[in-house]
Amino acid sequence: MKKIMLSAIIILAVAFQVQAQPKQSPQTQGNENIVQNIDQEETNCRNVSVLKRQYIQDSLQLDAVQAKKFWAVYDKYEQKEQDIHDEFHKFKKEQMSPNGQERVQYKNLSDEQKVIFLEKKTRMKTELSNIEQELFLELKQILDPETLVRFYQLERNFRKEMVQKSRLERKEKENSGTIPTKRRR
């Protein structure tokens, strides 16, 4: 029942997002399109976070005391993680893609820039790993081992479902001709 409810919520959210996107003519695309894509990604991330929170809340079924402690720790962790990702994206945008492109064009970077980028990315991964460790240490004081394992399973399952839905949505867009497909060499 919970999986059906979650799937329905996700499908409605995805359908709403797809329907809400205005269509632009090729002449109006460009920097405006890049800014719109970034705004859309931020909105999608917020929507996914809300869905993830609801999914975990419905599935864990914590008592009031545990829930208060759990969500305080979880929210702190989520904010730290988001701050690290935001900082890395800001770095990529300002330092690695100064011409406004969405993705870093590695072939256009100097060797020094490539090393700087990889160092920054490695630091980001280390920071995220440290935060994950902090989260675990705090949660194990709040939740019993079975509930803690269930939490990590729920996170993994949610991520897996979102990736599958995203791939399906992308395939549907590719088949409808909305976005260009990648050519394999």
N, C-alpha and C. Protein backbone atom coordinates (compact mmCIF):
# COMPACT_ATOMS: atom_id res chain seq x y z
N MET A 1 0.82 -1.18 0.00
CA MET A 1 0.00 0.00 0.00
C MET A 1 0.87 1.25 0.00
N LYS A 2 1.92 1.25 0.83
CA LYS A 2 2.80 2.41 0.92
C LYS A 2 3.53 2.64 -0.40
N LYS A 3 3.96 1.54 -1.04
CA LYS A 3 4.66 1.68 -2.31
C LYS A 3 3.73 2.25 -3.38
N ILE A 4 2.48 1.81 -3.36
CA ILE A 4 1.52 2.32 -4.33
C ILE A 4 1.28 3.80 -4.10
N MET A 5 1.15 4.19 -2.82
CA MET A 5 0.92 5.59 -2.49
C MET A 5 2.13 6.43 -2.89
N LEU A 6 3.35 5.95 -2.59
CA LEU A 6 4.56 6.68 -2.96
C LEU A 6 4.68 6.79 -4.47
N SER A 7 4.42 5.70 -5.17
CA SER A 7 4.50 5.73 -6.63
C SER A 7 3.51 6.73 -7.21
N ALA A 8 2.31 6.76 -6.66
CA ALA A 8 1.30 7.70 -7.15
C ALA A 8 1.75 9.14 -6.91
N ILE A 9 2.31 9.42 -5.74
CA ILE A 9 2.79 10.77 -5.43
C ILE A 9 3.91 11.16 -6.38
N ILE A 10 4.84 10.26 -6.60
CA ILE A 10 5.97 10.55 -7.49
C ILE A 10 5.48 10.78 -8.91
N ILE A 11 4.58 9.93 -9.38
CA ILE A 11 4.07 10.09 -10.74
C ILE A 11 3.34 11.42 -10.89
N LEU A 12 2.54 11.79 -9.89
CA LEU A 12 1.85 13.08 -9.95
C LEU A 12 2.83 14.25 -9.94
N ALA A 13 3.87 14.14 -9.12
CA ALA A 13 4.87 15.22 -9.06
C ALA A 13 5.60 15.34 -10.39
N VAL A 14 5.99 14.22 -10.97
CA VAL A 14 6.69 14.24 -12.25
C VAL A 14 5.77 14.78 -13.34
N ALA A 15 4.52 14.31 -13.36
CA ALA A 15 3.57 14.78 -14.37
C ALA A 15 3.33 16.28 -14.23
N PHE A 16 3.21 16.76 -13.00
CA PHE A 16 3.01 18.18 -12.79
C PHE A 16 4.21 18.98 -13.28
N GLN A 17 5.42 18.49 -12.99
CA GLN A 17 6.63 19.19 -13.42
C GLN A 17 6.73 19.24 -14.94
N VAL A 18 6.43 18.12 -15.60
CA VAL A 18 6.52 18.07 -17.05
C VAL A 18 5.49 19.00 -17.67
N GLN A 19 4.28 18.99 -17.14
CA GLN A 19 3.21 19.81 -17.68
C GLN A 19 3.47 21.29 -17.43
N ALA A 20 4.11 21.61 -16.32
CA ALA A 20 4.33 23.01 -15.95
C ALA A 20 5.46 23.66 -16.73
N GLN A 21 6.25 22.89 -17.45
CA GLN A 21 7.36 23.47 -18.18
C GLN A 21 6.87 24.12 -19.47
N PRO A 22 7.11 25.44 -19.63
CA PRO A 22 6.70 26.10 -20.86
C PRO A 22 7.61 25.70 -22.02
N LYS A 23 7.03 25.65 -23.21
CA LYS A 23 7.81 25.32 -24.40
C LYS A 23 8.35 26.61 -24.99
N GLN A 24 9.63 26.57 -25.40
CA GLN A 24 10.27 27.74 -25.97
C GLN A 24 10.65 27.46 -27.41
N SER A 25 10.63 28.50 -28.19
CA SER A 25 11.10 28.35 -29.56
C SER A 25 12.62 28.36 -29.55
N PRO A 26 13.27 27.81 -30.58
CA PRO A 26 14.73 27.78 -30.61
C PRO A 26 15.36 29.17 -30.52
N GLN A 27 14.64 30.21 -30.99
CA GLN A 27 15.22 31.55 -30.96
C GLN A 27 15.32 32.10 -29.54
N THR A 28 14.42 31.68 -28.65
CA THR A 28 14.43 32.23 -27.29
C THR A 28 15.27 31.41 -26.33
N GLN A 29 15.82 30.31 -26.81
CA GLN A 29 16.67 29.51 -25.95
C GLN A 29 18.03 30.15 -25.83
N GLY A 30 18.90 29.60 -25.03
CA GLY A 30 20.23 30.17 -24.82
C GLY A 30 20.45 30.31 -23.33
N ASN A 31 20.96 31.50 -22.93
CA ASN A 31 21.20 31.73 -21.50
C ASN A 31 19.91 31.67 -20.71
N GLU A 32 18.82 32.15 -21.29
CA GLU A 32 17.52 32.09 -20.63
C GLU A 32 17.13 30.64 -20.34
N ASN A 33 17.42 29.76 -21.29
CA ASN A 33 17.13 28.34 -21.13
C ASN A 33 17.99 27.72 -20.03
N ILE A 34 19.25 28.12 -19.96
CA ILE A 34 20.15 27.60 -18.93
C ILE A 34 19.66 28.01 -17.54
N VAL A 35 19.28 29.28 -17.38
CA VAL A 35 18.77 29.77 -16.10
C VAL A 35 17.49 29.03 -15.73
N GLN A 36 16.62 28.83 -16.71
CA GLN A 36 15.37 28.11 -16.45
C GLN A 36 15.66 26.67 -16.03
N ASN A 37 16.62 26.02 -16.68
CA ASN A 37 16.97 24.64 -16.31
C ASN A 37 17.50 24.58 -14.89
N ILE A 38 18.32 25.54 -14.51
CA ILE A 38 18.86 25.57 -13.14
C ILE A 38 17.74 25.77 -12.14
N ASP A 39 16.82 26.72 -12.42
CA ASP A 39 15.67 26.93 -11.54
C ASP A 39 14.81 25.68 -11.44
N GLN A 40 14.61 25.02 -12.58
CA GLN A 40 13.80 23.79 -12.61
C GLN A 40 14.46 22.69 -11.78
N GLU A 41 15.80 22.58 -11.89
CA GLU A 41 16.52 21.57 -11.11
C GLU A 41 16.37 21.83 -9.62
N GLU A 42 16.47 23.10 -9.21
CA GLU A 42 16.31 23.44 -7.80
C GLU A 42 14.91 23.10 -7.30
N THR A 43 13.90 23.41 -8.11
CA THR A 43 12.53 23.08 -7.75
C THR A 43 12.35 21.58 -7.64
N ASN A 44 12.88 20.85 -8.62
CA ASN A 44 12.78 19.39 -8.60
C ASN A 44 13.46 18.82 -7.37
N CYS A 45 14.62 19.36 -7.01
CA CYS A 45 15.34 18.87 -5.82
C CYS A 45 14.51 19.10 -4.56
N ARG A 46 13.88 20.27 -4.46
CA ARG A 46 13.04 20.54 -3.29
C ARG A 46 11.86 19.57 -3.26
N ASN A 47 11.24 19.34 -4.42
CA ASN A 47 10.10 18.41 -4.48
C ASN A 47 10.53 17.00 -4.10
N VAL A 48 11.67 16.57 -4.58
CA VAL A 48 12.18 15.24 -4.26
C VAL A 48 12.47 15.15 -2.77
N SER A 49 13.03 16.20 -2.19
CA SER A 49 13.31 16.19 -0.75
C SER A 49 12.03 16.05 0.06
N VAL A 50 10.99 16.73 -0.35
CA VAL A 50 9.70 16.63 0.35
C VAL A 50 9.15 15.22 0.21
N LEU A 51 9.22 14.65 -0.98
CA LEU A 51 8.74 13.27 -1.19
C LEU A 51 9.55 12.27 -0.37
N LYS A 52 10.87 12.48 -0.34
CA LYS A 52 11.74 11.58 0.42
C LYS A 52 11.41 11.65 1.91
N ARG A 53 11.21 12.85 2.40
CA ARG A 53 10.88 13.03 3.82
C ARG A 53 9.56 12.32 4.15
N GLN A 54 8.56 12.50 3.29
CA GLN A 54 7.26 11.87 3.52
C GLN A 54 7.38 10.35 3.46
N TYR A 55 8.16 9.86 2.53
CA TYR A 55 8.38 8.42 2.36
C TYR A 55 9.01 7.83 3.62
N ILE A 56 10.04 8.49 4.13
CA ILE A 56 10.72 8.02 5.35
C ILE A 56 9.78 8.11 6.55
N GLN A 57 9.09 9.23 6.66
CA GLN A 57 8.19 9.43 7.79
C GLN A 57 7.09 8.37 7.82
N ASP A 58 6.48 8.10 6.68
CA ASP A 58 5.41 7.10 6.62
C ASP A 58 5.92 5.69 6.89
N SER A 59 7.13 5.41 6.46
CA SER A 59 7.65 4.05 6.57
C SER A 59 8.28 3.74 7.92
N LEU A 60 8.93 4.71 8.54
CA LEU A 60 9.59 4.44 9.82
C LEU A 60 8.62 4.35 10.99
N GLN A 61 7.58 5.16 10.98
CA GLN A 61 6.57 5.17 12.03
C GLN A 61 7.19 5.28 13.42
N LEU A 62 7.86 6.37 13.66
CA LEU A 62 8.51 6.62 14.94
C LEU A 62 7.51 7.19 15.94
N ASP A 63 7.77 6.97 17.23
CA ASP A 63 6.92 7.62 18.23
C ASP A 63 7.29 9.10 18.28
N ALA A 64 6.51 9.89 18.99
CA ALA A 64 6.67 11.34 18.98
C ALA A 64 8.05 11.79 19.46
N VAL A 65 8.55 11.18 20.51
CA VAL A 65 9.85 11.56 21.06
C VAL A 65 10.97 11.22 20.08
N GLN A 66 10.94 9.99 19.56
CA GLN A 66 11.95 9.58 18.58
C GLN A 66 11.88 10.45 17.32
N ALA A 67 10.67 10.72 16.86
CA ALA A 67 10.49 11.50 15.64
C ALA A 67 11.08 12.90 15.80
N LYS A 68 10.84 13.53 16.94
CA LYS A 68 11.36 14.88 17.17
C LYS A 68 12.89 14.88 17.12
N LYS A 69 13.51 13.94 17.80
CA LYS A 69 14.97 13.84 17.81
C LYS A 69 15.50 13.47 16.42
N PHE A 70 14.85 12.48 15.80
CA PHE A 70 15.30 12.00 14.49
C PHE A 70 15.27 13.13 13.46
N TRP A 71 14.15 13.84 13.35
CA TRP A 71 14.03 14.86 12.31
C TRP A 71 14.95 16.06 12.57
N ALA A 72 15.24 16.35 13.81
CA ALA A 72 16.20 17.42 14.11
C ALA A 72 17.59 17.04 13.57
N VAL A 73 18.01 15.82 13.84
CA VAL A 73 19.31 15.34 13.36
C VAL A 73 19.30 15.23 11.83
N TYR A 74 18.25 14.65 11.29
CA TYR A 74 18.15 14.44 9.84
C TYR A 74 18.16 15.78 9.09
N ASP A 75 17.41 16.75 9.57
CA ASP A 75 17.36 18.06 8.92
C ASP A 75 18.72 18.74 8.95
N LYS A 76 19.41 18.62 10.09
CA LYS A 76 20.75 19.20 10.20
C LYS A 76 21.68 18.56 9.18
N TYR A 77 21.63 17.26 9.06
CA TYR A 77 22.43 16.52 8.09
C TYR A 77 22.09 16.94 6.67
N GLU A 78 20.82 17.00 6.35
CA GLU A 78 20.40 17.38 5.00
C GLU A 78 20.89 18.79 4.65
N GLN A 79 20.83 19.70 5.60
CA GLN A 79 21.26 21.08 5.34
C GLN A 79 22.77 21.14 5.10
N LYS A 80 23.53 20.42 5.91
CA LYS A 80 24.99 20.39 5.71
C LYS A 80 25.33 19.81 4.35
N GLU A 81 24.65 18.72 3.99
CA GLU A 81 24.89 18.09 2.70
C GLU A 81 24.54 19.05 1.56
N GLN A 82 23.42 19.74 1.68
CA GLN A 82 23.01 20.68 0.64
C GLN A 82 24.01 21.83 0.52
N ASP A 83 24.51 22.31 1.65
CA ASP A 83 25.49 23.40 1.63
C ASP A 83 26.76 22.97 0.88
N ILE A 84 27.20 21.75 1.09
CA ILE A 84 28.40 21.25 0.40
C ILE A 84 28.14 21.16 -1.10
N HIS A 85 26.99 20.62 -1.48
CA HIS A 85 26.65 20.53 -2.90
C HIS A 85 26.54 21.92 -3.53
N ASP A 86 25.89 22.85 -2.83
CA ASP A 86 25.75 24.22 -3.35
C ASP A 86 27.11 24.87 -3.56
N GLU A 87 28.00 24.69 -2.59
CA GLU A 87 29.33 25.26 -2.70
C GLU A 87 30.08 24.68 -3.90
N PHE A 88 29.96 23.38 -4.12
CA PHE A 88 30.63 22.74 -5.25
C PHE A 88 30.05 23.22 -6.58
N HIS A 89 28.72 23.34 -6.65
CA HIS A 89 28.10 23.82 -7.89
C HIS A 89 28.48 25.27 -8.17
N LYS A 90 28.58 26.07 -7.12
CA LYS A 90 29.01 27.47 -7.28
C LYS A 90 30.44 27.50 -7.81
N PHE A 91 31.31 26.67 -7.25
CA PHE A 91 32.69 26.57 -7.71
C PHE A 91 32.74 26.18 -9.19
N LYS A 92 31.98 25.16 -9.56
CA LYS A 92 31.97 24.72 -10.96
C LYS A 92 31.49 25.84 -11.88
N LYS A 93 30.44 26.51 -11.47
CA LYS A 93 29.86 27.56 -12.31
C LYS A 93 30.83 28.73 -12.48
N GLU A 94 31.44 29.16 -11.38
CA GLU A 94 32.31 30.34 -11.42
C GLU A 94 33.70 30.04 -11.98
N GLN A 95 34.26 28.91 -11.59
CA GLN A 95 35.64 28.63 -11.93
C GLN A 95 35.83 27.75 -13.15
N MET A 96 34.93 26.79 -13.34
CA MET A 96 35.14 25.80 -14.38
C MET A 96 34.28 26.02 -15.62
N SER A 97 33.22 26.80 -15.51
CA SER A 97 32.32 27.06 -16.64
C SER A 97 32.01 28.55 -16.74
N PRO A 98 33.03 29.37 -16.90
CA PRO A 98 32.80 30.81 -16.88
C PRO A 98 31.93 31.33 -18.03
N ASN A 99 31.80 30.57 -19.11
CA ASN A 99 31.01 31.04 -20.25
C ASN A 99 29.54 30.67 -20.12
N GLY A 100 29.10 30.22 -18.95
CA GLY A 100 27.70 29.98 -18.69
C GLY A 100 27.17 28.62 -19.09
N GLN A 101 28.05 27.71 -19.48
CA GLN A 101 27.58 26.38 -19.85
C GLN A 101 27.16 25.63 -18.60
N GLU A 102 26.23 24.71 -18.79
CA GLU A 102 25.72 23.94 -17.65
C GLU A 102 26.74 22.94 -17.13
N ARG A 103 27.50 22.35 -18.02
CA ARG A 103 28.45 21.31 -17.63
C ARG A 103 29.88 21.79 -17.83
N VAL A 104 30.77 21.23 -17.04
CA VAL A 104 32.19 21.54 -17.18
C VAL A 104 32.69 20.87 -18.45
N GLN A 105 33.34 21.63 -19.28
CA GLN A 105 33.93 21.09 -20.51
C GLN A 105 35.39 20.77 -20.22
N TYR A 106 35.65 19.52 -19.85
CA TYR A 106 36.98 19.11 -19.41
C TYR A 106 38.04 19.35 -20.49
N LYS A 107 37.68 19.15 -21.73
CA LYS A 107 38.65 19.32 -22.81
C LYS A 107 39.12 20.77 -22.95
N ASN A 108 38.33 21.71 -22.44
CA ASN A 108 38.70 23.12 -22.51
C ASN A 108 39.49 23.60 -21.29
N LEU A 109 39.67 22.73 -20.31
CA LEU A 109 40.40 23.11 -19.10
C LEU A 109 41.89 22.87 -19.26
N SER A 110 42.66 23.72 -18.62
CA SER A 110 44.10 23.50 -18.59
C SER A 110 44.39 22.36 -17.63
N ASP A 111 45.61 21.84 -17.66
CA ASP A 111 45.98 20.76 -16.75
C ASP A 111 45.85 21.22 -15.29
N GLU A 112 46.24 22.46 -15.02
CA GLU A 112 46.14 23.00 -13.67
C GLU A 112 44.68 23.07 -13.22
N GLN A 113 43.79 23.51 -14.11
CA GLN A 113 42.37 23.58 -13.78
C GLN A 113 41.79 22.19 -13.53
N LYS A 114 42.22 21.22 -14.30
CA LYS A 114 41.75 19.85 -14.12
C LYS A 114 42.12 19.33 -12.74
N VAL A 115 43.36 19.60 -12.33
CA VAL A 115 43.82 19.16 -11.01
C VAL A 115 43.03 19.87 -9.92
N ILE A 116 42.82 21.17 -10.07
CA ILE A 116 42.04 21.94 -9.08
C ILE A 116 40.63 21.38 -8.97
N PHE A 117 40.02 21.10 -10.11
CA PHE A 117 38.67 20.55 -10.12
C PHE A 117 38.61 19.21 -9.39
N LEU A 118 39.55 18.32 -9.70
CA LEU A 118 39.57 17.00 -9.07
C LEU A 118 39.84 17.09 -7.57
N GLU A 119 40.71 18.02 -7.16
CA GLU A 119 40.96 18.21 -5.73
C GLU A 119 39.70 18.68 -5.01
N LYS A 120 39.01 19.62 -5.63
CA LYS A 120 37.77 20.15 -5.03
C LYS A 120 36.70 19.05 -4.94
N LYS A 121 36.59 18.25 -5.99
CA LYS A 121 35.60 17.17 -6.01
C LYS A 121 35.93 16.13 -4.94
N THR A 122 37.21 15.81 -4.79
CA THR A 122 37.63 14.84 -3.78
C THR A 122 37.35 15.37 -2.38
N ARG A 123 37.62 16.66 -2.15
CA ARG A 123 37.32 17.27 -0.85
C ARG A 123 35.82 17.21 -0.56
N MET A 124 35.01 17.48 -1.59
CA MET A 124 33.57 17.44 -1.41
C MET A 124 33.12 16.04 -0.99
N LYS A 125 33.65 15.02 -1.66
CA LYS A 125 33.27 13.64 -1.33
C LYS A 125 33.71 13.28 0.09
N THR A 126 34.87 13.75 0.49
CA THR A 126 35.35 13.50 1.85
C THR A 126 34.44 14.16 2.87
N GLU A 127 34.07 15.41 2.61
CA GLU A 127 33.17 16.13 3.52
C GLU A 127 31.82 15.41 3.62
N LEU A 128 31.30 14.96 2.49
CA LEU A 128 30.03 14.24 2.50
C LEU A 128 30.14 12.94 3.29
N SER A 129 31.25 12.26 3.13
CA SER A 129 31.48 11.03 3.88
C SER A 129 31.55 11.30 5.38
N ASN A 130 32.22 12.39 5.75
CA ASN A 130 32.31 12.76 7.17
C ASN A 130 30.93 13.08 7.74
N ILE A 131 30.12 13.76 6.96
CA ILE A 131 28.77 14.09 7.41
C ILE A 131 27.94 12.82 7.56
N GLU A 132 28.10 11.89 6.63
CA GLU A 132 27.40 10.60 6.71
C GLU A 132 27.78 9.87 8.00
N GLN A 133 29.06 9.93 8.34
CA GLN A 133 29.53 9.29 9.57
C GLN A 133 28.92 9.98 10.80
N GLU A 134 28.88 11.30 10.80
CA GLU A 134 28.27 12.05 11.90
C GLU A 134 26.79 11.68 12.05
N LEU A 135 26.10 11.61 10.92
CA LEU A 135 24.69 11.25 10.95
C LEU A 135 24.50 9.88 11.59
N PHE A 136 25.29 8.93 11.14
CA PHE A 136 25.18 7.58 11.69
C PHE A 136 25.40 7.58 13.20
N LEU A 137 26.44 8.25 13.66
CA LEU A 137 26.75 8.26 15.09
C LEU A 137 25.62 8.89 15.91
N GLU A 138 25.01 9.94 15.37
CA GLU A 138 23.90 10.58 16.09
C GLU A 138 22.63 9.73 16.04
N LEU A 139 22.36 9.13 14.87
CA LEU A 139 21.14 8.34 14.74
C LEU A 139 21.18 7.06 15.56
N LYS A 140 22.37 6.50 15.72
CA LYS A 140 22.43 5.25 16.49
C LYS A 140 22.15 5.48 17.97
N GLN A 141 22.24 6.73 18.42
CA GLN A 141 21.87 7.06 19.79
C GLN A 141 20.36 7.27 19.94
N ILE A 142 19.68 7.50 18.81
CA ILE A 142 18.24 7.79 18.83
C ILE A 142 17.42 6.55 18.49
N LEU A 143 17.87 5.81 17.47
CA LEU A 143 17.11 4.69 16.94
C LEU A 143 17.71 3.36 17.36
N ASP A 144 16.85 2.36 17.50
CA ASP A 144 17.35 1.02 17.77
C ASP A 144 17.97 0.48 16.47
N PRO A 145 18.84 -0.51 16.56
CA PRO A 145 19.54 -1.01 15.37
C PRO A 145 18.61 -1.43 14.21
N GLU A 146 17.50 -2.05 14.53
CA GLU A 146 16.59 -2.48 13.47
C GLU A 146 16.00 -1.28 12.72
N THR A 147 15.60 -0.27 13.45
CA THR A 147 15.04 0.94 12.83
C THR A 147 16.11 1.69 12.06
N LEU A 148 17.32 1.70 12.57
CA LEU A 148 18.43 2.36 11.88
C LEU A 148 18.71 1.68 10.53
N VAL A 149 18.73 0.36 10.54
CA VAL A 149 18.93 -0.38 9.29
C VAL A 149 17.77 -0.08 8.34
N ARG A 150 16.57 -0.05 8.86
CA ARG A 150 15.38 0.24 8.04
C ARG A 150 15.49 1.63 7.41
N PHE A 151 15.98 2.60 8.17
CA PHE A 151 16.17 3.95 7.64
C PHE A 151 17.10 3.94 6.43
N TYR A 152 18.24 3.28 6.56
CA TYR A 152 19.19 3.23 5.45
C TYR A 152 18.62 2.47 4.25
N GLN A 153 17.83 1.43 4.51
CA GLN A 153 17.18 0.71 3.42
C GLN A 153 16.17 1.62 2.71
N LEU A 154 15.43 2.38 3.48
CA LEU A 154 14.45 3.30 2.89
C LEU A 154 15.12 4.35 2.02
N GLU A 155 16.22 4.91 2.52
CA GLU A 155 16.95 5.89 1.72
C GLU A 155 17.43 5.28 0.41
N ARG A 156 18.00 4.09 0.49
CA ARG A 156 18.51 3.42 -0.72
C ARG A 156 17.37 3.11 -1.69
N ASN A 157 16.27 2.59 -1.17
CA ASN A 157 15.13 2.25 -2.01
C ASN A 157 14.54 3.49 -2.67
N PHE A 158 14.45 4.58 -1.93
CA PHE A 158 13.91 5.82 -2.48
C PHE A 158 14.79 6.32 -3.62
N ARG A 159 16.09 6.32 -3.38
CA ARG A 159 17.04 6.78 -4.40
C ARG A 159 16.91 5.91 -5.66
N LYS A 160 16.81 4.59 -5.46
CA LYS A 160 16.68 3.66 -6.57
C LYS A 160 15.40 3.93 -7.37
N GLU A 161 14.30 4.13 -6.67
CA GLU A 161 13.04 4.42 -7.34
C GLU A 161 13.10 5.73 -8.12
N MET A 162 13.73 6.74 -7.54
CA MET A 162 13.82 8.03 -8.22
C MET A 162 14.68 7.92 -9.49
N VAL A 163 15.76 7.16 -9.41
CA VAL A 163 16.61 6.97 -10.59
C VAL A 163 15.83 6.24 -11.68
N GLN A 164 15.10 5.21 -11.29
CA GLN A 164 14.30 4.47 -12.28
C GLN A 164 13.25 5.37 -12.92
N LYS A 165 12.56 6.17 -12.12
CA LYS A 165 11.54 7.08 -12.66
C LYS A 165 12.18 8.12 -13.57
N SER A 166 13.34 8.62 -13.18
CA SER A 166 14.05 9.61 -14.00
C SER A 166 14.46 9.01 -15.34
N ARG A 167 14.97 7.79 -15.32
CA ARG A 167 15.35 7.13 -16.56
C ARG A 167 14.14 6.90 -17.46
N LEU A 168 13.04 6.48 -16.87
CA LEU A 168 11.82 6.25 -17.63
C LEU A 168 11.33 7.56 -18.24
N GLU A 169 11.34 8.62 -17.45
CA GLU A 169 10.91 9.93 -17.94
C GLU A 169 11.80 10.40 -19.08
N ARG A 170 13.10 10.20 -18.94
CA ARG A 170 14.04 10.60 -19.98
C ARG A 170 13.80 9.81 -21.26
N LYS A 171 13.56 8.51 -21.12
CA LYS A 171 13.27 7.68 -22.30
C LYS A 171 12.01 8.16 -23.00
N GLU A 172 10.99 8.49 -22.22
CA GLU A 172 9.74 8.97 -22.80
C GLU A 172 9.97 10.28 -23.55
N LYS A 173 10.78 11.17 -22.99
CA LYS A 173 11.08 12.44 -23.67
C LYS A 173 11.87 12.19 -24.95
N GLU A 174 12.83 11.27 -24.88
CA GLU A 174 13.62 10.96 -26.07
C GLU A 174 12.75 10.37 -27.16
N ASN A 175 11.83 9.50 -26.79
CA ASN A 175 10.94 8.87 -27.78
C ASN A 175 9.94 9.86 -28.36
N SER A 176 9.57 10.87 -27.59
CA SER A 176 8.62 11.86 -28.09
C SER A 176 9.32 12.95 -28.89
N GLY A 177 10.65 12.95 -28.89
CA GLY A 177 11.40 13.95 -29.65
C GLY A 177 11.57 15.26 -28.92
N THR A 178 11.22 15.32 -27.64
CA THR A 178 11.34 16.55 -26.86
C THR A 178 12.79 16.93 -26.62
N ILE A 179 13.65 15.94 -26.38
CA ILE A 179 15.06 16.21 -26.16
C ILE A 179 15.88 15.36 -27.12
N PRO A 180 17.04 15.85 -27.52
CA PRO A 180 17.86 15.05 -28.43
C PRO A 180 18.46 13.85 -27.71
N THR A 181 18.65 12.79 -28.44
CA THR A 181 19.26 11.59 -27.86
C THR A 181 20.76 11.64 -28.07
N LYS A 182 21.48 10.97 -27.19
CA LYS A 182 22.92 10.89 -27.33
C LYS A 182 23.26 9.88 -28.40
N ARG A 183 24.24 10.19 -29.18
CA ARG A 183 24.71 9.24 -30.18
C ARG A 183 25.91 8.51 -29.62
N ARG A 184 25.87 7.22 -29.67
CA ARG A 184 26.98 6.41 -29.19
C ARG A 184 27.96 6.21 -30.33
N ARG A 185 29.22 6.22 -29.98
CA ARG A 185 30.26 6.04 -31.02
C ARG A 185 30.69 4.63 -31.08
